[in-house]
Amino acid sequence: MDNKIKFFIIFFILLFSLNKNVLIYRPLLNFVTTKTAQGKIINKKEFLRRGYITGAFTYYYEFNVNDKKYVNPSYNRKYEVGDSVKVEYCEMFPFMNRIAGDKK
């Protein structure tokens, strides 16, 4: 196999694995049965692109379904630690979730 092809395959696998929440899970919620739960913003940071240099970040949110805790980045800089948020999640697979109203 050509080295260029190998590079592109590895690149796309890394891109997918690092961004599956944004590229796959969040958009998929538009097409599956969802429920909502109450969540809150926690003091855990997700640095944005070049965030380690610029200091740009968003906070994570957490919520519980059937006594299991789920945590994901909010991807929105407007939220502050302690804010209450409504979380939309896939009924069958709660790890697929987003803050309700964030359709990205």
PDB file of N, CA and C in Angstrom:
ATOM      1  N   MET A   1       0.850  -1.179   0.000  1.00  0.00           N
ATOM      2  CA  MET A   1       0.000   0.000   0.000  1.00  0.00           C
ATOM      3  C   MET A   1       0.898   1.244   0.000  1.00  0.00           C
ATOM      4  N   ASP A   2       0.500   2.205  -0.771  1.00  0.00           N
ATOM      5  CA  ASP A   2       1.230   3.465  -0.894  1.00  0.00           C
ATOM      6  C   ASP A   2       1.275   4.185   0.459  1.00  0.00           C
ATOM      7  N   ASN A   3       2.398   4.817   0.785  1.00  0.00           N
ATOM      8  CA  ASN A   3       2.549   5.540   2.055  1.00  0.00           C
ATOM      9  C   ASN A   3       1.541   6.669   2.202  1.00  0.00           C
ATOM     10  N   LYS A   4       1.198   7.326   1.098  1.00  0.00           N
ATOM     11  CA  LYS A   4       0.199   8.406   1.143  1.00  0.00           C
ATOM     12  C   LYS A   4      -1.152   7.866   1.582  1.00  0.00           C
ATOM     13  N   ILE A   5      -1.534   6.743   1.028  1.00  0.00           N
ATOM     14  CA  ILE A   5      -2.821   6.133   1.380  1.00  0.00           C
ATOM     15  C   ILE A   5      -2.817   5.716   2.844  1.00  0.00           C
ATOM     16  N   LYS A   6      -1.719   5.129   3.307  1.00  0.00           N
ATOM     17  CA  LYS A   6      -1.602   4.744   4.716  1.00  0.00           C
ATOM     18  C   LYS A   6      -1.751   5.965   5.619  1.00  0.00           C
ATOM     19  N   PHE A   7      -1.090   7.048   5.246  1.00  0.00           N
ATOM     20  CA  PHE A   7      -1.174   8.276   6.039  1.00  0.00           C
ATOM     21  C   PHE A   7      -2.616   8.767   6.131  1.00  0.00           C
ATOM     22  N   PHE A   8      -3.332   8.824   5.007  1.00  0.00           N
ATOM     23  CA  PHE A   8      -4.707   9.309   5.013  1.00  0.00           C
ATOM     24  C   PHE A   8      -5.629   8.390   5.802  1.00  0.00           C
ATOM     25  N   ILE A   9      -5.422   7.105   5.723  1.00  0.00           N
ATOM     26  CA  ILE A   9      -6.239   6.166   6.504  1.00  0.00           C
ATOM     27  C   ILE A   9      -6.014   6.395   7.995  1.00  0.00           C
ATOM     28  N   ILE A  10      -4.761   6.496   8.410  1.00  0.00           N
ATOM     29  CA  ILE A  10      -4.450   6.746   9.819  1.00  0.00           C
ATOM     30  C   ILE A  10      -4.998   8.092  10.255  1.00  0.00           C
ATOM     31  N   PHE A  11      -4.859   9.107   9.415  1.00  0.00           N
ATOM     32  CA  PHE A  11      -5.372  10.447   9.728  1.00  0.00           C
ATOM     33  C   PHE A  11      -6.881  10.420   9.961  1.00  0.00           C
ATOM     34  N   PHE A  12      -7.628   9.780   9.071  1.00  0.00           N
ATOM     35  CA  PHE A  12      -9.085   9.745   9.212  1.00  0.00           C
ATOM     36  C   PHE A  12      -9.541   8.897  10.385  1.00  0.00           C
ATOM     37  N   ILE A  13      -8.814   7.834  10.701  1.00  0.00           N
ATOM     38  CA  ILE A  13      -9.142   7.038  11.887  1.00  0.00           C
ATOM     39  C   ILE A  13      -8.940   7.870  13.141  1.00  0.00           C
ATOM     40  N   LEU A  14      -7.827   8.587  13.218  1.00  0.00           N
ATOM     41  CA  LEU A  14      -7.578   9.458  14.374  1.00  0.00           C
ATOM     42  C   LEU A  14      -8.616  10.571  14.467  1.00  0.00           C
ATOM     43  N   LEU A  15      -8.929  11.187  13.348  1.00  0.00           N
ATOM     44  CA  LEU A  15      -9.924  12.253  13.330  1.00  0.00           C
ATOM     45  C   LEU A  15     -11.260  11.741  13.841  1.00  0.00           C
ATOM     46  N   PHE A  16     -11.673  10.587  13.360  1.00  0.00           N
ATOM     47  CA  PHE A  16     -12.946  10.009  13.792  1.00  0.00           C
ATOM     48  C   PHE A  16     -12.918   9.654  15.270  1.00  0.00           C
ATOM     49  N   SER A  17     -11.867   8.968  15.718  1.00  0.00           N
ATOM     50  CA  SER A  17     -11.841   8.511  17.103  1.00  0.00           C
ATOM     51  C   SER A  17     -11.765   9.673  18.090  1.00  0.00           C
ATOM     52  N   LEU A  18     -11.109  10.742  17.717  1.00  0.00           N
ATOM     53  CA  LEU A  18     -11.001  11.878  18.618  1.00  0.00           C
ATOM     54  C   LEU A  18     -12.243  12.763  18.612  1.00  0.00           C
ATOM     55  N   ASN A  19     -13.040  12.712  17.548  1.00  0.00           N
ATOM     56  CA  ASN A  19     -14.186  13.604  17.416  1.00  0.00           C
ATOM     57  C   ASN A  19     -15.510  12.881  17.205  1.00  0.00           C
ATOM     58  N   LYS A  20     -15.618  11.609  17.593  1.00  0.00           N
ATOM     59  CA  LYS A  20     -16.854  10.875  17.323  1.00  0.00           C
ATOM     60  C   LYS A  20     -18.055  11.479  18.036  1.00  0.00           C
ATOM     61  N   ASN A  21     -17.847  12.115  19.183  1.00  0.00           N
ATOM     62  CA  ASN A  21     -18.962  12.741  19.881  1.00  0.00           C
ATOM     63  C   ASN A  21     -19.568  13.859  19.036  1.00  0.00           C
ATOM     64  N   VAL A  22     -18.726  14.695  18.461  1.00  0.00           N
ATOM     65  CA  VAL A  22     -19.205  15.824  17.662  1.00  0.00           C
ATOM     66  C   VAL A  22     -19.643  15.385  16.267  1.00  0.00           C
ATOM     67  N   LEU A  23     -18.882  14.490  15.641  1.00  0.00           N
ATOM     68  CA  LEU A  23     -19.161  14.089  14.265  1.00  0.00           C
ATOM     69  C   LEU A  23     -20.301  13.089  14.128  1.00  0.00           C
ATOM     70  N   ILE A  24     -20.488  12.213  15.100  1.00  0.00           N
ATOM     71  CA  ILE A  24     -21.460  11.133  14.974  1.00  0.00           C
ATOM     72  C   ILE A  24     -22.582  11.227  16.011  1.00  0.00           C
ATOM     73  N   TYR A  25     -22.231  11.175  17.297  1.00  0.00           N
ATOM     74  CA  TYR A  25     -23.245  11.032  18.346  1.00  0.00           C
ATOM     75  C   TYR A  25     -24.219  12.205  18.426  1.00  0.00           C
ATOM     76  N   ARG A  26     -23.702  13.424  18.499  1.00  0.00           N
ATOM     77  CA  ARG A  26     -24.595  14.581  18.668  1.00  0.00           C
ATOM     78  C   ARG A  26     -25.557  14.757  17.494  1.00  0.00           C
ATOM     79  N   PRO A  27     -25.098  14.690  16.232  1.00  0.00           N
ATOM     80  CA  PRO A  27     -26.053  14.810  15.116  1.00  0.00           C
ATOM     81  C   PRO A  27     -27.052  13.642  15.058  1.00  0.00           C
ATOM     82  N   LEU A  28     -26.630  12.461  15.476  1.00  0.00           N
ATOM     83  CA  LEU A  28     -27.504  11.291  15.445  1.00  0.00           C
ATOM     84  C   LEU A  28     -28.708  11.459  16.361  1.00  0.00           C
ATOM     85  N   LEU A  29     -28.575  12.273  17.393  1.00  0.00           N
ATOM     86  CA  LEU A  29     -29.691  12.503  18.313  1.00  0.00           C
ATOM     87  C   LEU A  29     -30.899  13.129  17.630  1.00  0.00           C
ATOM     88  N   ASN A  30     -30.695  13.729  16.460  1.00  0.00           N
ATOM     89  CA  ASN A  30     -31.819  14.299  15.707  1.00  0.00           C
ATOM     90  C   ASN A  30     -32.714  13.220  15.117  1.00  0.00           C
ATOM     91  N   PHE A  31     -32.261  11.964  15.106  1.00  0.00           N
ATOM     92  CA  PHE A  31     -32.987  10.899  14.418  1.00  0.00           C
ATOM     93  C   PHE A  31     -33.373   9.722  15.300  1.00  0.00           C
ATOM     94  N   VAL A  32     -33.096   9.781  16.591  1.00  0.00           N
ATOM     95  CA  VAL A  32     -33.431   8.682  17.500  1.00  0.00           C
ATOM     96  C   VAL A  32     -34.354   9.177  18.599  1.00  0.00           C
ATOM     97  N   THR A  33     -34.957   8.236  19.313  1.00  0.00           N
ATOM     98  CA  THR A  33     -35.819   8.573  20.446  1.00  0.00           C
ATOM     99  C   THR A  33     -34.958   9.080  21.591  1.00  0.00           C
ATOM    100  N   THR A  34     -35.312  10.257  22.102  1.00  0.00           N
ATOM    101  CA  THR A  34     -34.517  10.850  23.183  1.00  0.00           C
ATOM    102  C   THR A  34     -35.373  11.104  24.412  1.00  0.00           C
ATOM    103  N   LYS A  35     -34.699  11.228  25.526  1.00  0.00           N
ATOM    104  CA  LYS A  35     -35.294  11.647  26.788  1.00  0.00           C
ATOM    105  C   LYS A  35     -34.469  12.811  27.304  1.00  0.00           C
ATOM    106  N   THR A  36     -34.952  13.444  28.352  1.00  0.00           N
ATOM    107  CA  THR A  36     -34.180  14.537  28.946  1.00  0.00           C
ATOM    108  C   THR A  36     -33.942  14.248  30.422  1.00  0.00           C
ATOM    109  N   ALA A  37     -32.870  14.828  30.916  1.00  0.00           N
ATOM    110  CA  ALA A  37     -32.515  14.723  32.325  1.00  0.00           C
ATOM    111  C   ALA A  37     -31.916  16.051  32.760  1.00  0.00           C
ATOM    112  N   GLN A  38     -31.944  16.297  34.049  1.00  0.00           N
ATOM    113  CA  GLN A  38     -31.339  17.508  34.586  1.00  0.00           C
ATOM    114  C   GLN A  38     -29.857  17.244  34.806  1.00  0.00           C
ATOM    115  N   GLY A  39     -29.029  18.179  34.392  1.00  0.00           N
ATOM    116  CA  GLY A  39     -27.591  18.059  34.579  1.00  0.00           C
ATOM    117  C   GLY A  39     -27.020  19.345  35.115  1.00  0.00           C
ATOM    118  N   LYS A  40     -25.709  19.333  35.357  1.00  0.00           N
ATOM    119  CA  LYS A  40     -25.062  20.565  35.816  1.00  0.00           C
ATOM    120  C   LYS A  40     -23.657  20.645  35.249  1.00  0.00           C
ATOM    121  N   ILE A  41     -23.200  21.870  35.107  1.00  0.00           N
ATOM    122  CA  ILE A  41     -21.857  22.138  34.614  1.00  0.00           C
ATOM    123  C   ILE A  41     -20.869  21.901  35.761  1.00  0.00           C
ATOM    124  N   ILE A  42     -19.800  21.167  35.465  1.00  0.00           N
ATOM    125  CA  ILE A  42     -18.820  20.828  36.491  1.00  0.00           C
ATOM    126  C   ILE A  42     -17.473  21.467  36.179  1.00  0.00           C
ATOM    127  N   ASN A  43     -16.600  21.452  37.162  1.00  0.00           N
ATOM    128  CA  ASN A  43     -15.288  22.096  37.016  1.00  0.00           C
ATOM    129  C   ASN A  43     -14.285  21.147  36.360  1.00  0.00           C
ATOM    130  N   LYS A  44     -14.557  20.807  35.124  1.00  0.00           N
ATOM    131  CA  LYS A  44     -13.652  20.018  34.292  1.00  0.00           C
ATOM    132  C   LYS A  44     -13.609  20.728  32.943  1.00  0.00           C
ATOM    133  N   LYS A  45     -12.421  20.949  32.407  1.00  0.00           N
ATOM    134  CA  LYS A  45     -12.276  21.762  31.201  1.00  0.00           C
ATOM    135  C   LYS A  45     -11.981  20.918  29.966  1.00  0.00           C
ATOM    136  N   GLU A  46     -12.572  21.338  28.860  1.00  0.00           N
ATOM    137  CA  GLU A  46     -12.278  20.799  27.534  1.00  0.00           C
ATOM    138  C   GLU A  46     -11.626  21.943  26.766  1.00  0.00           C
ATOM    139  N   PHE A  47     -10.333  21.837  26.523  1.00  0.00           N
ATOM    140  CA  PHE A  47      -9.641  22.911  25.818  1.00  0.00           C
ATOM    141  C   PHE A  47     -10.021  22.897  24.351  1.00  0.00           C
ATOM    142  N   LEU A  48     -10.285  24.073  23.815  1.00  0.00           N
ATOM    143  CA  LEU A  48     -10.629  24.223  22.413  1.00  0.00           C
ATOM    144  C   LEU A  48      -9.358  24.158  21.575  1.00  0.00           C
ATOM    145  N   ARG A  49      -9.527  24.190  20.262  1.00  0.00           N
ATOM    146  CA  ARG A  49      -8.362  24.143  19.384  1.00  0.00           C
ATOM    147  C   ARG A  49      -7.379  25.237  19.772  1.00  0.00           C
ATOM    148  N   ARG A  50      -6.143  24.848  19.923  1.00  0.00           N
ATOM    149  CA  ARG A  50      -5.068  25.737  20.381  1.00  0.00           C
ATOM    150  C   ARG A  50      -5.344  26.296  21.773  1.00  0.00           C
ATOM    151  N   GLY A  51      -6.235  25.680  22.509  1.00  0.00           N
ATOM    152  CA  GLY A  51      -6.622  26.168  23.832  1.00  0.00           C
ATOM    153  C   GLY A  51      -5.508  26.151  24.850  1.00  0.00           C
ATOM    154  N   TYR A  52      -4.574  25.230  24.689  1.00  0.00           N
ATOM    155  CA  TYR A  52      -3.451  25.200  25.625  1.00  0.00           C
ATOM    156  C   TYR A  52      -2.563  26.423  25.458  1.00  0.00           C
ATOM    157  N   ILE A  53      -2.617  27.034  24.285  1.00  0.00           N
ATOM    158  CA  ILE A  53      -1.845  28.256  24.029  1.00  0.00           C
ATOM    159  C   ILE A  53      -2.680  29.482  24.373  1.00  0.00           C
ATOM    160  N   THR A  54      -3.936  29.503  23.905  1.00  0.00           N
ATOM    161  CA  THR A  54      -4.787  30.684  24.062  1.00  0.00           C
ATOM    162  C   THR A  54      -5.578  30.696  25.367  1.00  0.00           C
ATOM    163  N   GLY A  55      -5.722  29.527  25.995  1.00  0.00           N
ATOM    164  CA  GLY A  55      -6.514  29.451  27.222  1.00  0.00           C
ATOM    165  C   GLY A  55      -8.000  29.268  26.968  1.00  0.00           C
ATOM    166  N   ALA A  56      -8.425  29.091  25.713  1.00  0.00           N
ATOM    167  CA  ALA A  56      -9.844  28.927  25.384  1.00  0.00           C
ATOM    168  C   ALA A  56     -10.308  27.521  25.750  1.00  0.00           C
ATOM    169  N   PHE A  57     -11.413  27.438  26.466  1.00  0.00           N
ATOM    170  CA  PHE A  57     -11.952  26.152  26.886  1.00  0.00           C
ATOM    171  C   PHE A  57     -13.452  26.240  27.122  1.00  0.00           C
ATOM    172  N   THR A  58     -14.075  25.089  27.244  1.00  0.00           N
ATOM    173  CA  THR A  58     -15.461  24.985  27.699  1.00  0.00           C
ATOM    174  C   THR A  58     -15.477  24.011  28.866  1.00  0.00           C
ATOM    175  N   TYR A  59     -16.535  24.089  29.664  1.00  0.00           N
ATOM    176  CA  TYR A  59     -16.670  23.175  30.789  1.00  0.00           C
ATOM    177  C   TYR A  59     -17.461  21.938  30.388  1.00  0.00           C
ATOM    178  N   TYR A  60     -17.289  20.878  31.145  1.00  0.00           N
ATOM    179  CA  TYR A  60     -18.066  19.649  30.980  1.00  0.00           C
ATOM    180  C   TYR A  60     -19.377  19.763  31.744  1.00  0.00           C
ATOM    181  N   TYR A  61     -20.322  18.900  31.404  1.00  0.00           N
ATOM    182  CA  TYR A  61     -21.550  18.751  32.180  1.00  0.00           C
ATOM    183  C   TYR A  61     -21.673  17.294  32.591  1.00  0.00           C
ATOM    184  N   GLU A  62     -22.441  17.062  33.642  1.00  0.00           N
ATOM    185  CA  GLU A  62     -22.699  15.699  34.076  1.00  0.00           C
ATOM    186  C   GLU A  62     -24.183  15.532  34.364  1.00  0.00           C
ATOM    187  N   PHE A  63     -24.657  14.309  34.219  1.00  0.00           N
ATOM    188  CA  PHE A  63     -26.038  13.965  34.545  1.00  0.00           C
ATOM    189  C   PHE A  63     -26.093  12.472  34.841  1.00  0.00           C
ATOM    190  N   ASN A  64     -27.193  12.042  35.440  1.00  0.00           N
ATOM    191  CA  ASN A  64     -27.361  10.642  35.817  1.00  0.00           C
ATOM    192  C   ASN A  64     -28.562  10.029  35.122  1.00  0.00           C
ATOM    193  N   VAL A  65     -28.402   8.776  34.700  1.00  0.00           N
ATOM    194  CA  VAL A  65     -29.496   7.972  34.158  1.00  0.00           C
ATOM    195  C   VAL A  65     -29.370   6.591  34.796  1.00  0.00           C
ATOM    196  N   ASN A  66     -30.420   6.159  35.479  1.00  0.00           N
ATOM    197  CA  ASN A  66     -30.420   4.846  36.150  1.00  0.00           C
ATOM    198  C   ASN A  66     -29.189   4.671  37.043  1.00  0.00           C
ATOM    199  N   ASP A  67     -28.917   5.676  37.840  1.00  0.00           N
ATOM    200  CA  ASP A  67     -27.801   5.673  38.799  1.00  0.00           C
ATOM    201  C   ASP A  67     -26.420   5.551  38.149  1.00  0.00           C
ATOM    202  N   LYS A  68     -26.311   5.868  36.878  1.00  0.00           N
ATOM    203  CA  LYS A  68     -25.009   5.901  36.213  1.00  0.00           C
ATOM    204  C   LYS A  68     -24.720   7.331  35.780  1.00  0.00           C
ATOM    205  N   LYS A  69     -23.513   7.792  36.078  1.00  0.00           N
ATOM    206  CA  LYS A  69     -23.123   9.169  35.759  1.00  0.00           C
ATOM    207  C   LYS A  69     -22.527   9.227  34.359  1.00  0.00           C
ATOM    208  N   TYR A  70     -22.945  10.240  33.596  1.00  0.00           N
ATOM    209  CA  TYR A  70     -22.405  10.496  32.265  1.00  0.00           C
ATOM    210  C   TYR A  70     -21.818  11.900  32.258  1.00  0.00           C
ATOM    211  N   VAL A  71     -20.677  12.056  31.600  1.00  0.00           N
ATOM    212  CA  VAL A  71     -19.964  13.330  31.553  1.00  0.00           C
ATOM    213  C   VAL A  71     -19.540  13.593  30.115  1.00  0.00           C
ATOM    214  N   ASN A  72     -19.790  14.811  29.640  1.00  0.00           N
ATOM    215  CA  ASN A  72     -19.392  15.210  28.291  1.00  0.00           C
ATOM    216  C   ASN A  72     -19.058  16.698  28.266  1.00  0.00           C
ATOM    217  N   PRO A  73     -18.255  17.127  27.297  1.00  0.00           N
ATOM    218  CA  PRO A  73     -17.982  18.561  27.157  1.00  0.00           C
ATOM    219  C   PRO A  73     -19.231  19.304  26.682  1.00  0.00           C
ATOM    220  N   SER A  74     -19.408  20.523  27.149  1.00  0.00           N
ATOM    221  CA  SER A  74     -20.572  21.319  26.740  1.00  0.00           C
ATOM    222  C   SER A  74     -20.373  21.924  25.355  1.00  0.00           C
ATOM    223  N   TYR A  75     -19.141  22.154  24.941  1.00  0.00           N
ATOM    224  CA  TYR A  75     -18.809  22.785  23.651  1.00  0.00           C
ATOM    225  C   TYR A  75     -19.424  24.176  23.513  1.00  0.00           C
ATOM    226  N   ASN A  76     -19.728  24.813  24.631  1.00  0.00           N
ATOM    227  CA  ASN A  76     -20.320  26.144  24.593  1.00  0.00           C
ATOM    228  C   ASN A  76     -19.708  26.965  25.720  1.00  0.00           C
ATOM    229  N   ARG A  77     -19.094  28.066  25.372  1.00  0.00           N
ATOM    230  CA  ARG A  77     -18.375  28.890  26.357  1.00  0.00           C
ATOM    231  C   ARG A  77     -19.290  29.690  27.269  1.00  0.00           C
ATOM    232  N   LYS A  78     -20.591  29.691  27.001  1.00  0.00           N
ATOM    233  CA  LYS A  78     -21.498  30.502  27.826  1.00  0.00           C
ATOM    234  C   LYS A  78     -21.766  29.884  29.198  1.00  0.00           C
ATOM    235  N   TYR A  79     -21.494  28.590  29.366  1.00  0.00           N
ATOM    236  CA  TYR A  79     -21.801  27.918  30.626  1.00  0.00           C
ATOM    237  C   TYR A  79     -20.693  28.111  31.653  1.00  0.00           C
ATOM    238  N   GLU A  80     -21.104  28.265  32.907  1.00  0.00           N
ATOM    239  CA  GLU A  80     -20.184  28.415  34.029  1.00  0.00           C
ATOM    240  C   GLU A  80     -20.405  27.270  35.018  1.00  0.00           C
ATOM    241  N   VAL A  81     -19.388  26.968  35.809  1.00  0.00           N
ATOM    242  CA  VAL A  81     -19.476  25.899  36.804  1.00  0.00           C
ATOM    243  C   VAL A  81     -20.679  26.138  37.710  1.00  0.00           C
ATOM    244  N   GLY A  82     -21.484  25.098  37.888  1.00  0.00           N
ATOM    245  CA  GLY A  82     -22.663  25.181  38.743  1.00  0.00           C
ATOM    246  C   GLY A  82     -23.949  25.456  37.991  1.00  0.00           C
ATOM    247  N   ASP A  83     -23.862  25.893  36.726  1.00  0.00           N
ATOM    248  CA  ASP A  83     -25.074  26.131  35.944  1.00  0.00           C
ATOM    249  C   ASP A  83     -25.862  24.828  35.808  1.00  0.00           C
ATOM    250  N   SER A  84     -27.172  24.955  35.868  1.00  0.00           N
ATOM    251  CA  SER A  84     -28.059  23.819  35.663  1.00  0.00           C
ATOM    252  C   SER A  84     -28.409  23.756  34.179  1.00  0.00           C
ATOM    253  N   VAL A  85     -28.359  22.561  33.594  1.00  0.00           N
ATOM    254  CA  VAL A  85     -28.655  22.398  32.173  1.00  0.00           C
ATOM    255  C   VAL A  85     -29.600  21.215  31.981  1.00  0.00           C
ATOM    256  N   LYS A  86     -30.400  21.292  30.934  1.00  0.00           N
ATOM    257  CA  LYS A  86     -31.256  20.183  30.544  1.00  0.00           C
ATOM    258  C   LYS A  86     -30.496  19.389  29.489  1.00  0.00           C
ATOM    259  N   VAL A  87     -30.334  18.084  29.725  1.00  0.00           N
ATOM    260  CA  VAL A  87     -29.557  17.227  28.840  1.00  0.00           C
ATOM    261  C   VAL A  87     -30.490  16.316  28.055  1.00  0.00           C
ATOM    262  N   GLU A  88     -30.279  16.259  26.775  1.00  0.00           N
ATOM    263  CA  GLU A  88     -31.028  15.376  25.879  1.00  0.00           C
ATOM    264  C   GLU A  88     -30.131  14.169  25.599  1.00  0.00           C
ATOM    265  N   TYR A  89     -30.676  12.952  25.787  1.00  0.00           N
ATOM    266  CA  TYR A  89     -29.863  11.763  25.571  1.00  0.00           C
ATOM    267  C   TYR A  89     -30.660  10.686  24.847  1.00  0.00           C
ATOM    268  N   CYS A  90     -29.945   9.788  24.187  1.00  0.00           N
ATOM    269  CA  CYS A  90     -30.562   8.670  23.493  1.00  0.00           C
ATOM    270  C   CYS A  90     -31.098   7.699  24.540  1.00  0.00           C
ATOM    271  N   GLU A  91     -32.349   7.323  24.400  1.00  0.00           N
ATOM    272  CA  GLU A  91     -32.992   6.448  25.378  1.00  0.00           C
ATOM    273  C   GLU A  91     -32.255   5.112  25.514  1.00  0.00           C
ATOM    274  N   MET A  92     -31.795   4.548  24.399  1.00  0.00           N
ATOM    275  CA  MET A  92     -31.120   3.247  24.444  1.00  0.00           C
ATOM    276  C   MET A  92     -29.633   3.354  24.794  1.00  0.00           C
ATOM    277  N   PHE A  93     -29.001   4.459  24.403  1.00  0.00           N
ATOM    278  CA  PHE A  93     -27.565   4.640  24.611  1.00  0.00           C
ATOM    279  C   PHE A  93     -27.310   6.024  25.213  1.00  0.00           C
ATOM    280  N   PRO A  94     -27.454   6.169  26.536  1.00  0.00           N
ATOM    281  CA  PRO A  94     -27.318   7.496  27.163  1.00  0.00           C
ATOM    282  C   PRO A  94     -25.961   8.169  26.973  1.00  0.00           C
ATOM    283  N   PHE A  95     -24.917   7.407  26.595  1.00  0.00           N
ATOM    284  CA  PHE A  95     -23.617   8.043  26.351  1.00  0.00           C
ATOM    285  C   PHE A  95     -23.687   8.981  25.153  1.00  0.00           C
ATOM    286  N   MET A  96     -24.733   8.842  24.326  1.00  0.00           N
ATOM    287  CA  MET A  96     -24.980   9.772  23.219  1.00  0.00           C
ATOM    288  C   MET A  96     -25.884  10.865  23.760  1.00  0.00           C
ATOM    289  N   ASN A  97     -25.328  12.026  24.021  1.00  0.00           N
ATOM    290  CA  ASN A  97     -26.103  13.091  24.653  1.00  0.00           C
ATOM    291  C   ASN A  97     -25.561  14.451  24.284  1.00  0.00           C
ATOM    292  N   ARG A  98     -26.355  15.456  24.586  1.00  0.00           N
ATOM    293  CA  ARG A  98     -25.959  16.857  24.379  1.00  0.00           C
ATOM    294  C   ARG A  98     -26.853  17.710  25.258  1.00  0.00           C
ATOM    295  N   ILE A  99     -26.439  18.935  25.452  1.00  0.00           N
ATOM    296  CA  ILE A  99     -27.287  19.878  26.175  1.00  0.00           C
ATOM    297  C   ILE A  99     -28.470  20.190  25.265  1.00  0.00           C
ATOM    298  N   ALA A 100     -29.676  20.070  25.793  1.00  0.00           N
ATOM    299  CA  ALA A 100     -30.890  20.293  25.003  1.00  0.00           C
ATOM    300  C   ALA A 100     -30.855  21.693  24.389  1.00  0.00           C
ATOM    301  N   GLY A 101     -31.191  21.748  23.109  1.00  0.00           N
ATOM    302  CA  GLY A 101     -31.174  23.010  22.391  1.00  0.00           C
ATOM    303  C   GLY A 101     -29.899  23.209  21.590  1.00  0.00           C
ATOM    304  N   ASP A 102     -28.846  22.458  21.904  1.00  0.00           N
ATOM    305  CA  ASP A 102     -27.590  22.526  21.154  1.00  0.00           C
ATOM    306  C   ASP A 102     -27.674  21.489  20.041  1.00  0.00           C
ATOM    307  N   LYS A 103     -28.078  21.895  18.858  1.00  0.00           N
ATOM    308  CA  LYS A 103     -28.331  20.968  17.757  1.00  0.00           C
ATOM    309  C   LYS A 103     -27.097  20.699  16.900  1.00  0.00           C
ATOM    310  N   LYS A 104     -25.984  21.280  17.211  1.00  0.00           N
ATOM    311  CA  LYS A 104     -24.771  21.078  16.410  1.00  0.00           C
ATOM    312  C   LYS A 104     -24.306  19.653  16.516  1.00  0.00           C
TER     313      LYS A 104
END
